[in-house]
Amino acid sequence: MLVLASRSPRRQTLLRAAGIPFRVAAPRAEEAAVDRFRGSFAALVKRRALAKAKSASARAGEVVLGADTVVVCEGEALGKPADAAEARRMLRKLSGKWHRVYTGVALLSEDRRLVGCARTEVAFRRLAKTEIEWYVGTGEPMDKAGAYAIQGQGAGFVRAVRGCYTNVIGLPLPTLLEMLAGLGQRVGSRLAGRGRL
C-alpha cells in the first residue's frame, strides 16, 4: 500500500487517475521558507519532499510518498501565497513570462529510499489587472504554489507547457511510476516487480 504524506487533494486525484491505491497520512514536517533557502531549487523540493515522507506514520510493508512543489520565475521561488495581496504579486510576476515548476518526489520503504525531481517550463500569456483581480477573488490561487492551478480556472492563463503536465498540478506521474518500479512495485500490468500496489 502507498501512503501519501500530503493533504493535497490534487495529488490524491492524480493517484486515483493513475490507478494507484493509497491512503493518506498527513505529514508532521513543517515546510521550510523558500525565501530563505540557498541552493538549487531541485535540492530544495527534494529535501522538503523527503522531510514530509519521513514525518508521516507508516505500517510494515507500506511505501511512503512525499512530494513538494515550487514555482520559480526570474530566480524567485514562489510557494503558496500567504494572502490575496501576495497572490496578486505572484500573478503579476508570472504575467507574460516563462517560469519553471519543480516537484520533488521521495519514496520510503522499510529498507530503501528514492528521491527524485521533475522540472516543467510553463508560459503565461499577458494578464490584465482585471483578470488578476477576478482570479484572486475566486479563491483558487490561495493554496497553490505560484498562485495558480493549471487544471482549474487558471488554465486560461497558460499558453505553452514544456515537459510533464502533471508535475505542474503537483505530482509528476511518470517520475513517480519510474521510482516505484525502482522499488520493485508495480501498478496494474504497467510495472514489473516483486511488489504490487
N, C-alpha and C. Protein backbone atom coordinates (compact mmCIF):
# COMPACT_ATOMS: atom_id res chain seq x y z
N MET A 1 0.84 -1.19 0.00
CA MET A 1 0.00 0.00 0.00
C MET A 1 0.88 1.25 0.00
N LEU A 2 0.51 2.22 -0.79
CA LEU A 2 1.21 3.50 -0.83
C LEU A 2 0.59 4.44 0.21
N VAL A 3 1.43 5.14 0.95
CA VAL A 3 0.98 6.13 1.92
C VAL A 3 1.34 7.50 1.38
N LEU A 4 0.34 8.34 1.14
CA LEU A 4 0.57 9.68 0.63
C LEU A 4 0.75 10.64 1.81
N ALA A 5 1.95 11.18 1.94
CA ALA A 5 2.23 12.13 3.01
C ALA A 5 1.93 13.54 2.53
N SER A 6 0.66 13.81 2.30
CA SER A 6 0.23 15.11 1.77
C SER A 6 -1.26 15.28 1.99
N ARG A 7 -1.65 16.52 2.26
CA ARG A 7 -3.08 16.83 2.37
C ARG A 7 -3.65 17.31 1.03
N SER A 8 -2.82 17.39 0.00
CA SER A 8 -3.22 17.97 -1.28
C SER A 8 -4.29 17.15 -1.99
N PRO A 9 -5.46 17.72 -2.24
CA PRO A 9 -6.48 16.99 -3.00
C PRO A 9 -6.06 16.77 -4.44
N ARG A 10 -5.19 17.64 -4.99
CA ARG A 10 -4.73 17.45 -6.36
C ARG A 10 -3.88 16.19 -6.48
N ARG A 11 -3.01 15.96 -5.52
CA ARG A 11 -2.18 14.76 -5.57
C ARG A 11 -3.03 13.50 -5.41
N GLN A 12 -4.04 13.57 -4.57
CA GLN A 12 -4.94 12.42 -4.40
C GLN A 12 -5.67 12.12 -5.70
N THR A 13 -6.13 13.16 -6.39
CA THR A 13 -6.83 12.99 -7.67
C THR A 13 -5.92 12.36 -8.70
N LEU A 14 -4.67 12.79 -8.76
CA LEU A 14 -3.73 12.24 -9.73
C LEU A 14 -3.44 10.77 -9.46
N LEU A 15 -3.27 10.40 -8.19
CA LEU A 15 -3.02 8.99 -7.85
C LEU A 15 -4.21 8.12 -8.24
N ARG A 16 -5.42 8.61 -7.97
CA ARG A 16 -6.62 7.85 -8.36
C ARG A 16 -6.68 7.70 -9.88
N ALA A 17 -6.37 8.77 -10.61
CA ALA A 17 -6.42 8.72 -12.07
C ALA A 17 -5.42 7.71 -12.63
N ALA A 18 -4.28 7.55 -11.93
CA ALA A 18 -3.26 6.60 -12.37
C ALA A 18 -3.53 5.18 -11.90
N GLY A 19 -4.61 4.97 -11.13
CA GLY A 19 -4.95 3.65 -10.65
C GLY A 19 -4.06 3.15 -9.54
N ILE A 20 -3.51 4.07 -8.76
CA ILE A 20 -2.61 3.70 -7.66
C ILE A 20 -3.38 3.74 -6.34
N PRO A 21 -3.58 2.60 -5.69
CA PRO A 21 -4.27 2.61 -4.39
C PRO A 21 -3.37 3.25 -3.33
N PHE A 22 -3.97 4.00 -2.43
CA PHE A 22 -3.19 4.69 -1.41
C PHE A 22 -4.07 5.05 -0.23
N ARG A 23 -3.42 5.39 0.87
CA ARG A 23 -4.10 6.03 1.99
C ARG A 23 -3.32 7.29 2.34
N VAL A 24 -3.97 8.22 3.01
CA VAL A 24 -3.36 9.50 3.35
C VAL A 24 -2.91 9.49 4.80
N ALA A 25 -1.68 9.94 5.02
CA ALA A 25 -1.16 10.16 6.37
C ALA A 25 -0.52 11.55 6.34
N ALA A 26 -1.20 12.53 6.92
CA ALA A 26 -0.72 13.92 6.86
C ALA A 26 0.68 14.02 7.45
N PRO A 27 1.59 14.71 6.74
CA PRO A 27 2.95 14.86 7.27
C PRO A 27 2.98 15.80 8.46
N ARG A 28 3.93 15.54 9.36
CA ARG A 28 4.10 16.42 10.52
C ARG A 28 5.21 17.45 10.28
N ALA A 29 5.95 17.30 9.19
CA ALA A 29 7.05 18.22 8.90
C ALA A 29 6.52 19.58 8.48
N GLU A 30 7.16 20.64 8.97
CA GLU A 30 6.82 22.00 8.56
C GLU A 30 7.61 22.33 7.29
N GLU A 31 6.96 23.05 6.35
CA GLU A 31 7.65 23.43 5.13
C GLU A 31 8.63 24.56 5.41
N ALA A 32 9.87 24.39 4.98
CA ALA A 32 10.87 25.44 5.14
C ALA A 32 10.53 26.61 4.23
N ALA A 33 10.81 27.81 4.68
CA ALA A 33 10.52 29.01 3.89
C ALA A 33 11.42 29.04 2.66
N VAL A 34 10.80 29.19 1.47
CA VAL A 34 11.59 29.17 0.24
C VAL A 34 12.43 30.43 0.10
N ASP A 35 12.00 31.54 0.69
CA ASP A 35 12.75 32.79 0.51
C ASP A 35 14.05 32.82 1.30
N ARG A 36 14.23 31.88 2.22
CA ARG A 36 15.47 31.85 2.99
C ARG A 36 16.38 30.69 2.57
N PHE A 37 15.99 29.98 1.49
CA PHE A 37 16.77 28.83 1.05
C PHE A 37 17.90 29.28 0.14
N ARG A 38 19.08 28.71 0.35
CA ARG A 38 20.23 28.97 -0.51
C ARG A 38 20.67 27.64 -1.12
N GLY A 39 20.61 27.56 -2.43
CA GLY A 39 20.95 26.32 -3.12
C GLY A 39 20.07 26.14 -4.32
N SER A 40 20.15 24.98 -4.97
CA SER A 40 19.34 24.76 -6.17
C SER A 40 17.89 24.50 -5.78
N PHE A 41 16.99 24.86 -6.67
CA PHE A 41 15.57 24.65 -6.39
C PHE A 41 15.23 23.16 -6.43
N ALA A 42 15.94 22.39 -7.26
CA ALA A 42 15.74 20.94 -7.27
C ALA A 42 16.09 20.36 -5.90
N ALA A 43 17.20 20.83 -5.32
CA ALA A 43 17.60 20.35 -4.00
C ALA A 43 16.58 20.74 -2.94
N LEU A 44 16.01 21.92 -3.06
CA LEU A 44 15.01 22.39 -2.10
C LEU A 44 13.79 21.48 -2.08
N VAL A 45 13.21 21.21 -3.25
CA VAL A 45 11.98 20.40 -3.27
C VAL A 45 12.25 18.95 -2.90
N LYS A 46 13.43 18.44 -3.25
CA LYS A 46 13.76 17.07 -2.86
C LYS A 46 13.91 16.97 -1.34
N ARG A 47 14.56 17.95 -0.75
CA ARG A 47 14.73 17.94 0.71
C ARG A 47 13.39 18.03 1.42
N ARG A 48 12.51 18.91 0.93
CA ARG A 48 11.21 19.07 1.59
C ARG A 48 10.32 17.84 1.37
N ALA A 49 10.40 17.23 0.19
CA ALA A 49 9.62 16.00 -0.07
C ALA A 49 10.07 14.88 0.86
N LEU A 50 11.39 14.75 1.04
CA LEU A 50 11.91 13.72 1.92
C LEU A 50 11.51 13.95 3.37
N ALA A 51 11.54 15.21 3.81
CA ALA A 51 11.14 15.53 5.18
C ALA A 51 9.68 15.17 5.41
N LYS A 52 8.82 15.43 4.42
CA LYS A 52 7.41 15.08 4.55
C LYS A 52 7.23 13.57 4.65
N ALA A 53 7.93 12.83 3.78
CA ALA A 53 7.82 11.37 3.79
C ALA A 53 8.27 10.80 5.12
N LYS A 54 9.37 11.32 5.65
CA LYS A 54 9.90 10.82 6.92
C LYS A 54 8.96 11.11 8.09
N SER A 55 8.19 12.19 8.00
CA SER A 55 7.36 12.60 9.14
C SER A 55 6.00 11.91 9.18
N ALA A 56 5.64 11.19 8.12
CA ALA A 56 4.34 10.51 8.08
C ALA A 56 4.46 9.12 8.69
N SER A 57 3.44 8.70 9.38
CA SER A 57 3.47 7.38 10.00
C SER A 57 3.08 6.31 8.98
N ALA A 58 3.81 5.19 9.01
CA ALA A 58 3.55 4.09 8.09
C ALA A 58 3.64 2.77 8.83
N ARG A 59 2.96 1.77 8.26
CA ARG A 59 2.99 0.42 8.83
C ARG A 59 3.95 -0.45 8.02
N ALA A 60 4.26 -1.60 8.55
CA ALA A 60 5.18 -2.54 7.88
C ALA A 60 4.66 -2.87 6.48
N GLY A 61 5.56 -2.85 5.52
CA GLY A 61 5.21 -3.19 4.14
C GLY A 61 4.70 -2.04 3.31
N GLU A 62 4.47 -0.88 3.90
CA GLU A 62 3.96 0.27 3.16
C GLU A 62 5.10 1.10 2.59
N VAL A 63 4.80 1.79 1.49
CA VAL A 63 5.74 2.72 0.86
C VAL A 63 5.18 4.12 1.05
N VAL A 64 5.99 5.02 1.60
CA VAL A 64 5.54 6.38 1.88
C VAL A 64 5.97 7.31 0.75
N LEU A 65 5.04 8.13 0.28
CA LEU A 65 5.30 9.10 -0.78
C LEU A 65 5.22 10.52 -0.21
N GLY A 66 6.30 11.28 -0.35
CA GLY A 66 6.30 12.70 -0.03
C GLY A 66 6.56 13.49 -1.29
N ALA A 67 5.91 14.65 -1.43
CA ALA A 67 6.11 15.49 -2.62
C ALA A 67 6.06 16.95 -2.22
N ASP A 68 6.78 17.76 -2.97
CA ASP A 68 6.80 19.19 -2.71
C ASP A 68 7.02 19.94 -4.02
N THR A 69 6.24 21.01 -4.23
CA THR A 69 6.27 21.76 -5.49
C THR A 69 6.59 23.22 -5.23
N VAL A 70 7.42 23.80 -6.10
CA VAL A 70 7.68 25.22 -6.04
C VAL A 70 7.73 25.77 -7.47
N VAL A 71 7.24 26.98 -7.65
CA VAL A 71 7.27 27.68 -8.93
C VAL A 71 8.40 28.71 -8.87
N VAL A 72 9.19 28.78 -9.94
CA VAL A 72 10.34 29.68 -9.97
C VAL A 72 10.23 30.59 -11.18
N CYS A 73 10.27 31.89 -10.94
CA CYS A 73 10.20 32.88 -12.03
C CYS A 73 11.30 33.91 -11.82
N GLU A 74 12.15 34.07 -12.81
CA GLU A 74 13.25 35.03 -12.77
C GLU A 74 14.10 34.87 -11.50
N GLY A 75 14.34 33.62 -11.13
CA GLY A 75 15.19 33.33 -9.99
C GLY A 75 14.51 33.40 -8.64
N GLU A 76 13.23 33.76 -8.60
CA GLU A 76 12.49 33.84 -7.33
C GLU A 76 11.59 32.63 -7.17
N ALA A 77 11.68 31.98 -6.02
CA ALA A 77 10.82 30.84 -5.72
C ALA A 77 9.48 31.34 -5.19
N LEU A 78 8.41 30.85 -5.79
CA LEU A 78 7.06 31.24 -5.40
C LEU A 78 6.35 30.03 -4.80
N GLY A 79 6.14 30.05 -3.51
CA GLY A 79 5.39 29.00 -2.85
C GLY A 79 3.91 29.32 -2.85
N LYS A 80 3.21 28.89 -1.81
CA LYS A 80 1.79 29.21 -1.68
C LYS A 80 1.65 30.63 -1.14
N PRO A 81 0.78 31.44 -1.73
CA PRO A 81 0.64 32.82 -1.25
C PRO A 81 0.04 32.87 0.16
N ALA A 82 0.56 33.78 0.97
CA ALA A 82 0.08 33.93 2.34
C ALA A 82 -1.27 34.63 2.39
N ASP A 83 -1.53 35.48 1.40
CA ASP A 83 -2.78 36.25 1.38
C ASP A 83 -3.07 36.71 -0.04
N ALA A 84 -4.18 37.42 -0.21
CA ALA A 84 -4.60 37.87 -1.55
C ALA A 84 -3.59 38.82 -2.18
N ALA A 85 -2.99 39.67 -1.37
CA ALA A 85 -2.01 40.63 -1.90
C ALA A 85 -0.80 39.90 -2.47
N GLU A 86 -0.36 38.86 -1.78
CA GLU A 86 0.78 38.10 -2.28
C GLU A 86 0.41 37.32 -3.54
N ALA A 87 -0.82 36.81 -3.60
CA ALA A 87 -1.28 36.11 -4.80
C ALA A 87 -1.28 37.06 -6.00
N ARG A 88 -1.74 38.29 -5.79
CA ARG A 88 -1.73 39.28 -6.88
C ARG A 88 -0.30 39.55 -7.35
N ARG A 89 0.61 39.69 -6.40
CA ARG A 89 2.00 39.97 -6.74
C ARG A 89 2.60 38.83 -7.56
N MET A 90 2.32 37.58 -7.16
CA MET A 90 2.85 36.43 -7.88
C MET A 90 2.30 36.38 -9.31
N LEU A 91 1.01 36.61 -9.46
CA LEU A 91 0.40 36.56 -10.79
C LEU A 91 0.92 37.68 -11.68
N ARG A 92 1.15 38.86 -11.12
CA ARG A 92 1.76 39.94 -11.91
C ARG A 92 3.16 39.56 -12.36
N LYS A 93 3.88 38.89 -11.51
CA LYS A 93 5.25 38.46 -11.85
C LYS A 93 5.24 37.42 -12.98
N LEU A 94 4.29 36.49 -12.93
CA LEU A 94 4.20 35.43 -13.93
C LEU A 94 3.65 35.92 -15.27
N SER A 95 2.91 37.01 -15.27
CA SER A 95 2.23 37.52 -16.46
C SER A 95 3.20 37.75 -17.63
N GLY A 96 2.90 37.12 -18.75
CA GLY A 96 3.68 37.32 -19.96
C GLY A 96 5.05 36.68 -19.97
N LYS A 97 5.33 35.77 -19.03
CA LYS A 97 6.68 35.20 -18.92
C LYS A 97 6.65 33.67 -18.87
N TRP A 98 7.84 33.11 -19.11
CA TRP A 98 8.07 31.69 -18.84
C TRP A 98 8.49 31.53 -17.39
N HIS A 99 8.08 30.43 -16.78
CA HIS A 99 8.57 30.09 -15.45
C HIS A 99 8.77 28.58 -15.37
N ARG A 100 9.41 28.14 -14.30
CA ARG A 100 9.68 26.71 -14.11
C ARG A 100 8.93 26.19 -12.89
N VAL A 101 8.48 24.96 -12.98
CA VAL A 101 7.82 24.28 -11.87
C VAL A 101 8.67 23.07 -11.49
N TYR A 102 9.10 23.03 -10.24
CA TYR A 102 9.89 21.92 -9.72
C TYR A 102 9.05 21.14 -8.71
N THR A 103 9.04 19.82 -8.83
CA THR A 103 8.42 18.98 -7.81
C THR A 103 9.40 17.90 -7.38
N GLY A 104 9.66 17.86 -6.09
CA GLY A 104 10.47 16.80 -5.52
C GLY A 104 9.58 15.64 -5.13
N VAL A 105 10.06 14.42 -5.35
CA VAL A 105 9.31 13.20 -5.03
C VAL A 105 10.22 12.30 -4.20
N ALA A 106 9.74 11.86 -3.05
CA ALA A 106 10.50 10.95 -2.18
C ALA A 106 9.68 9.72 -1.88
N LEU A 107 10.30 8.55 -2.00
CA LEU A 107 9.66 7.28 -1.66
C LEU A 107 10.49 6.58 -0.60
N LEU A 108 9.83 6.17 0.48
CA LEU A 108 10.49 5.46 1.57
C LEU A 108 9.81 4.12 1.79
N SER A 109 10.61 3.05 1.74
CA SER A 109 10.11 1.73 2.13
C SER A 109 10.85 1.34 3.40
N GLU A 110 10.65 0.12 3.84
CA GLU A 110 11.31 -0.32 5.08
C GLU A 110 12.83 -0.31 4.96
N ASP A 111 13.33 -0.59 3.76
CA ASP A 111 14.79 -0.71 3.62
C ASP A 111 15.40 0.14 2.52
N ARG A 112 14.58 0.95 1.82
CA ARG A 112 15.12 1.74 0.72
C ARG A 112 14.54 3.14 0.71
N ARG A 113 15.28 4.04 0.05
CA ARG A 113 14.86 5.44 -0.08
C ARG A 113 15.23 5.92 -1.47
N LEU A 114 14.24 6.48 -2.18
CA LEU A 114 14.49 7.07 -3.50
C LEU A 114 13.97 8.50 -3.49
N VAL A 115 14.77 9.41 -4.03
CA VAL A 115 14.37 10.82 -4.10
C VAL A 115 14.65 11.33 -5.51
N GLY A 116 13.66 11.95 -6.12
CA GLY A 116 13.83 12.49 -7.47
C GLY A 116 13.18 13.84 -7.62
N CYS A 117 13.30 14.41 -8.82
CA CYS A 117 12.74 15.74 -9.08
C CYS A 117 12.35 15.84 -10.54
N ALA A 118 11.25 16.52 -10.81
CA ALA A 118 10.82 16.81 -12.17
C ALA A 118 10.77 18.32 -12.36
N ARG A 119 11.08 18.77 -13.57
CA ARG A 119 11.03 20.20 -13.88
C ARG A 119 10.23 20.41 -15.16
N THR A 120 9.31 21.35 -15.13
CA THR A 120 8.47 21.68 -16.28
C THR A 120 8.54 23.19 -16.50
N GLU A 121 8.55 23.62 -17.76
CA GLU A 121 8.53 25.03 -18.09
C GLU A 121 7.13 25.42 -18.57
N VAL A 122 6.63 26.54 -18.05
CA VAL A 122 5.28 27.00 -18.36
C VAL A 122 5.33 28.46 -18.79
N ALA A 123 4.58 28.80 -19.84
CA ALA A 123 4.50 30.19 -20.30
C ALA A 123 3.10 30.73 -20.03
N PHE A 124 3.04 31.90 -19.41
CA PHE A 124 1.78 32.61 -19.21
C PHE A 124 1.60 33.65 -20.31
N ARG A 125 0.37 33.85 -20.73
CA ARG A 125 0.07 34.99 -21.58
C ARG A 125 0.04 36.24 -20.69
N ARG A 126 0.00 37.39 -21.29
CA ARG A 126 -0.04 38.63 -20.51
C ARG A 126 -1.43 38.78 -19.88
N LEU A 127 -1.45 39.04 -18.58
CA LEU A 127 -2.71 39.13 -17.84
C LEU A 127 -3.09 40.59 -17.58
N ALA A 128 -4.35 40.88 -17.77
CA ALA A 128 -4.87 42.21 -17.42
C ALA A 128 -5.09 42.29 -15.92
N LYS A 129 -5.03 43.49 -15.39
CA LYS A 129 -5.25 43.70 -13.96
C LYS A 129 -6.61 43.16 -13.53
N THR A 130 -7.61 43.36 -14.37
CA THR A 130 -8.97 42.89 -14.03
C THR A 130 -9.02 41.37 -13.96
N GLU A 131 -8.25 40.69 -14.82
CA GLU A 131 -8.21 39.23 -14.78
C GLU A 131 -7.58 38.74 -13.48
N ILE A 132 -6.51 39.39 -13.07
CA ILE A 132 -5.84 39.01 -11.83
C ILE A 132 -6.78 39.21 -10.64
N GLU A 133 -7.47 40.34 -10.63
CA GLU A 133 -8.42 40.62 -9.54
C GLU A 133 -9.53 39.58 -9.51
N TRP A 134 -10.06 39.26 -10.69
CA TRP A 134 -11.11 38.24 -10.76
C TRP A 134 -10.61 36.91 -10.24
N TYR A 135 -9.43 36.49 -10.70
CA TYR A 135 -8.91 35.17 -10.34
C TYR A 135 -8.62 35.07 -8.85
N VAL A 136 -8.01 36.09 -8.29
CA VAL A 136 -7.76 36.08 -6.84
C VAL A 136 -9.09 36.01 -6.08
N GLY A 137 -10.10 36.69 -6.61
CA GLY A 137 -11.42 36.68 -5.99
C GLY A 137 -12.09 35.31 -5.98
N THR A 138 -11.67 34.41 -6.89
CA THR A 138 -12.25 33.06 -6.90
C THR A 138 -11.76 32.23 -5.72
N GLY A 139 -10.62 32.62 -5.14
CA GLY A 139 -10.03 31.85 -4.05
C GLY A 139 -9.13 30.72 -4.51
N GLU A 140 -9.15 30.41 -5.79
CA GLU A 140 -8.37 29.28 -6.30
C GLU A 140 -6.86 29.40 -6.06
N PRO A 141 -6.27 30.60 -6.15
CA PRO A 141 -4.81 30.69 -6.01
C PRO A 141 -4.28 30.43 -4.61
N MET A 142 -5.13 30.44 -3.60
CA MET A 142 -4.64 30.58 -2.23
C MET A 142 -3.85 29.39 -1.68
N ASP A 143 -4.07 28.19 -2.15
CA ASP A 143 -3.29 27.05 -1.62
C ASP A 143 -2.47 26.39 -2.71
N LYS A 144 -2.07 27.20 -3.71
CA LYS A 144 -1.31 26.67 -4.85
C LYS A 144 0.05 27.35 -4.94
N ALA A 145 1.09 26.57 -5.18
CA ALA A 145 2.41 27.14 -5.44
C ALA A 145 2.32 28.01 -6.69
N GLY A 146 2.84 29.23 -6.59
CA GLY A 146 2.78 30.14 -7.72
C GLY A 146 1.44 30.83 -7.90
N ALA A 147 0.48 30.53 -7.02
CA ALA A 147 -0.84 31.18 -7.01
C ALA A 147 -1.70 30.88 -8.23
N TYR A 148 -1.55 29.67 -8.81
CA TYR A 148 -2.47 29.31 -9.89
C TYR A 148 -2.61 27.80 -9.98
N ALA A 149 -3.72 27.37 -10.59
CA ALA A 149 -4.00 25.94 -10.81
C ALA A 149 -4.16 25.72 -12.30
N ILE A 150 -3.22 25.01 -12.91
CA ILE A 150 -3.27 24.77 -14.35
C ILE A 150 -4.47 23.89 -14.72
N GLN A 151 -4.95 23.09 -13.77
CA GLN A 151 -6.08 22.20 -14.02
C GLN A 151 -7.41 22.86 -13.66
N GLY A 152 -7.37 24.10 -13.23
CA GLY A 152 -8.58 24.80 -12.81
C GLY A 152 -8.84 26.03 -13.67
N GLN A 153 -9.35 27.08 -13.03
CA GLN A 153 -9.67 28.30 -13.77
C GLN A 153 -8.42 29.03 -14.25
N GLY A 154 -7.27 28.70 -13.67
CA GLY A 154 -6.01 29.29 -14.12
C GLY A 154 -5.53 28.73 -15.45
N ALA A 155 -6.18 27.69 -15.98
CA ALA A 155 -5.76 27.09 -17.25
C ALA A 155 -5.74 28.10 -18.38
N GLY A 156 -6.63 29.07 -18.35
CA GLY A 156 -6.71 30.06 -19.41
C GLY A 156 -5.54 31.04 -19.44
N PHE A 157 -4.72 31.02 -18.40
CA PHE A 157 -3.55 31.89 -18.36
C PHE A 157 -2.35 31.27 -19.07
N VAL A 158 -2.39 29.95 -19.28
CA VAL A 158 -1.23 29.20 -19.78
C VAL A 158 -1.28 29.10 -21.30
N ARG A 159 -0.22 29.55 -21.95
CA ARG A 159 -0.18 29.46 -23.41
C ARG A 159 0.74 28.37 -23.92
N ALA A 160 1.62 27.85 -23.08
CA ALA A 160 2.51 26.76 -23.51
C ALA A 160 3.07 26.02 -22.30
N VAL A 161 3.33 24.72 -22.50
CA VAL A 161 3.93 23.88 -21.46
C VAL A 161 5.02 23.03 -22.11
N ARG A 162 6.20 23.03 -21.52
CA ARG A 162 7.30 22.18 -21.97
C ARG A 162 7.62 21.21 -20.84
N GLY A 163 7.29 19.94 -21.05
CA GLY A 163 7.57 18.94 -20.02
C GLY A 163 6.30 18.31 -19.48
N CYS A 164 6.40 17.78 -18.28
CA CYS A 164 5.33 16.99 -17.67
C CYS A 164 4.20 17.87 -17.14
N TYR A 165 3.00 17.65 -17.69
CA TYR A 165 1.83 18.43 -17.27
C TYR A 165 1.43 18.13 -15.83
N THR A 166 1.46 16.85 -15.43
CA THR A 166 1.03 16.51 -14.06
C THR A 166 1.98 17.06 -13.02
N ASN A 167 3.22 17.34 -13.41
CA ASN A 167 4.16 17.99 -12.50
C ASN A 167 3.65 19.36 -12.09
N VAL A 168 3.05 20.08 -13.02
CA VAL A 168 2.54 21.43 -12.74
C VAL A 168 1.35 21.35 -11.77
N ILE A 169 0.60 20.28 -11.83
CA ILE A 169 -0.52 20.08 -10.89
C ILE A 169 0.01 19.76 -9.49
N GLY A 170 1.18 19.11 -9.43
CA GLY A 170 1.77 18.85 -8.12
C GLY A 170 2.34 17.47 -7.91
N LEU A 171 2.26 16.59 -8.93
CA LEU A 171 2.83 15.25 -8.79
C LEU A 171 3.17 14.70 -10.18
N PRO A 172 4.46 14.62 -10.53
CA PRO A 172 4.84 14.11 -11.85
C PRO A 172 4.65 12.59 -11.92
N LEU A 173 3.56 12.17 -12.51
CA LEU A 173 3.24 10.74 -12.52
C LEU A 173 4.28 9.87 -13.23
N PRO A 174 4.84 10.29 -14.37
CA PRO A 174 5.87 9.44 -14.99
C PRO A 174 7.07 9.22 -14.06
N THR A 175 7.51 10.27 -13.39
CA THR A 175 8.62 10.15 -12.44
C THR A 175 8.26 9.21 -11.30
N LEU A 176 7.05 9.37 -10.76
CA LEU A 176 6.60 8.52 -9.67
C LEU A 176 6.56 7.05 -10.07
N LEU A 177 6.00 6.74 -11.24
CA LEU A 177 5.89 5.35 -11.68
C LEU A 177 7.27 4.73 -11.90
N GLU A 178 8.21 5.51 -12.44
CA GLU A 178 9.57 5.01 -12.62
C GLU A 178 10.22 4.73 -11.26
N MET A 179 9.99 5.60 -10.29
CA MET A 179 10.57 5.41 -8.96
C MET A 179 9.96 4.20 -8.26
N LEU A 180 8.65 4.01 -8.41
CA LEU A 180 8.00 2.84 -7.83
C LEU A 180 8.57 1.56 -8.43
N ALA A 181 8.81 1.59 -9.74
CA ALA A 181 9.43 0.43 -10.38
C ALA A 181 10.81 0.16 -9.81
N GLY A 182 11.52 1.23 -9.47
CA GLY A 182 12.84 1.09 -8.87
C GLY A 182 12.79 0.45 -7.49
N LEU A 183 11.65 0.54 -6.83
CA LEU A 183 11.46 -0.12 -5.53
C LEU A 183 10.86 -1.52 -5.67
N GLY A 184 10.67 -1.94 -6.93
CA GLY A 184 10.09 -3.26 -7.16
C GLY A 184 8.58 -3.30 -7.04
N GLN A 185 7.95 -2.14 -7.09
CA GLN A 185 6.49 -2.07 -7.02
C GLN A 185 5.92 -1.97 -8.43
N ARG A 186 4.72 -2.51 -8.62
CA ARG A 186 4.09 -2.38 -9.93
C ARG A 186 2.64 -1.96 -9.76
N VAL A 187 2.19 -1.18 -10.72
CA VAL A 187 0.81 -0.70 -10.73
C VAL A 187 0.11 -1.39 -11.89
N GLY A 188 -0.88 -2.22 -11.61
CA GLY A 188 -1.56 -2.97 -12.66
C GLY A 188 -0.56 -3.84 -13.42
N SER A 189 -0.62 -3.80 -14.74
CA SER A 189 0.31 -4.56 -15.55
C SER A 189 1.39 -3.69 -16.15
N ARG A 190 1.41 -2.41 -15.77
CA ARG A 190 2.35 -1.49 -16.40
C ARG A 190 3.77 -1.62 -15.85
N LEU A 191 3.89 -2.01 -14.60
CA LEU A 191 5.21 -2.10 -13.99
C LEU A 191 5.49 -3.53 -13.55
N ALA A 192 6.70 -3.96 -13.76
CA ALA A 192 7.09 -5.31 -13.34
C ALA A 192 7.93 -5.21 -12.07
N GLY A 193 7.70 -6.14 -11.16
CA GLY A 193 8.50 -6.13 -9.94
C GLY A 193 7.94 -7.13 -8.94
N ARG A 194 8.58 -7.16 -7.78
CA ARG A 194 8.19 -8.14 -6.76
C ARG A 194 6.87 -7.73 -6.08
N GLY A 195 6.74 -6.44 -5.79
CA GLY A 195 5.56 -6.00 -5.07
C GLY A 195 4.45 -5.57 -6.00
N ARG A 196 3.30 -5.38 -5.44
CA ARG A 196 2.16 -4.88 -6.21
C ARG A 196 1.38 -3.90 -5.37
N LEU A 197 1.14 -2.74 -5.92
CA LEU A 197 0.37 -1.73 -5.18
C LEU A 197 -1.12 -1.94 -5.42
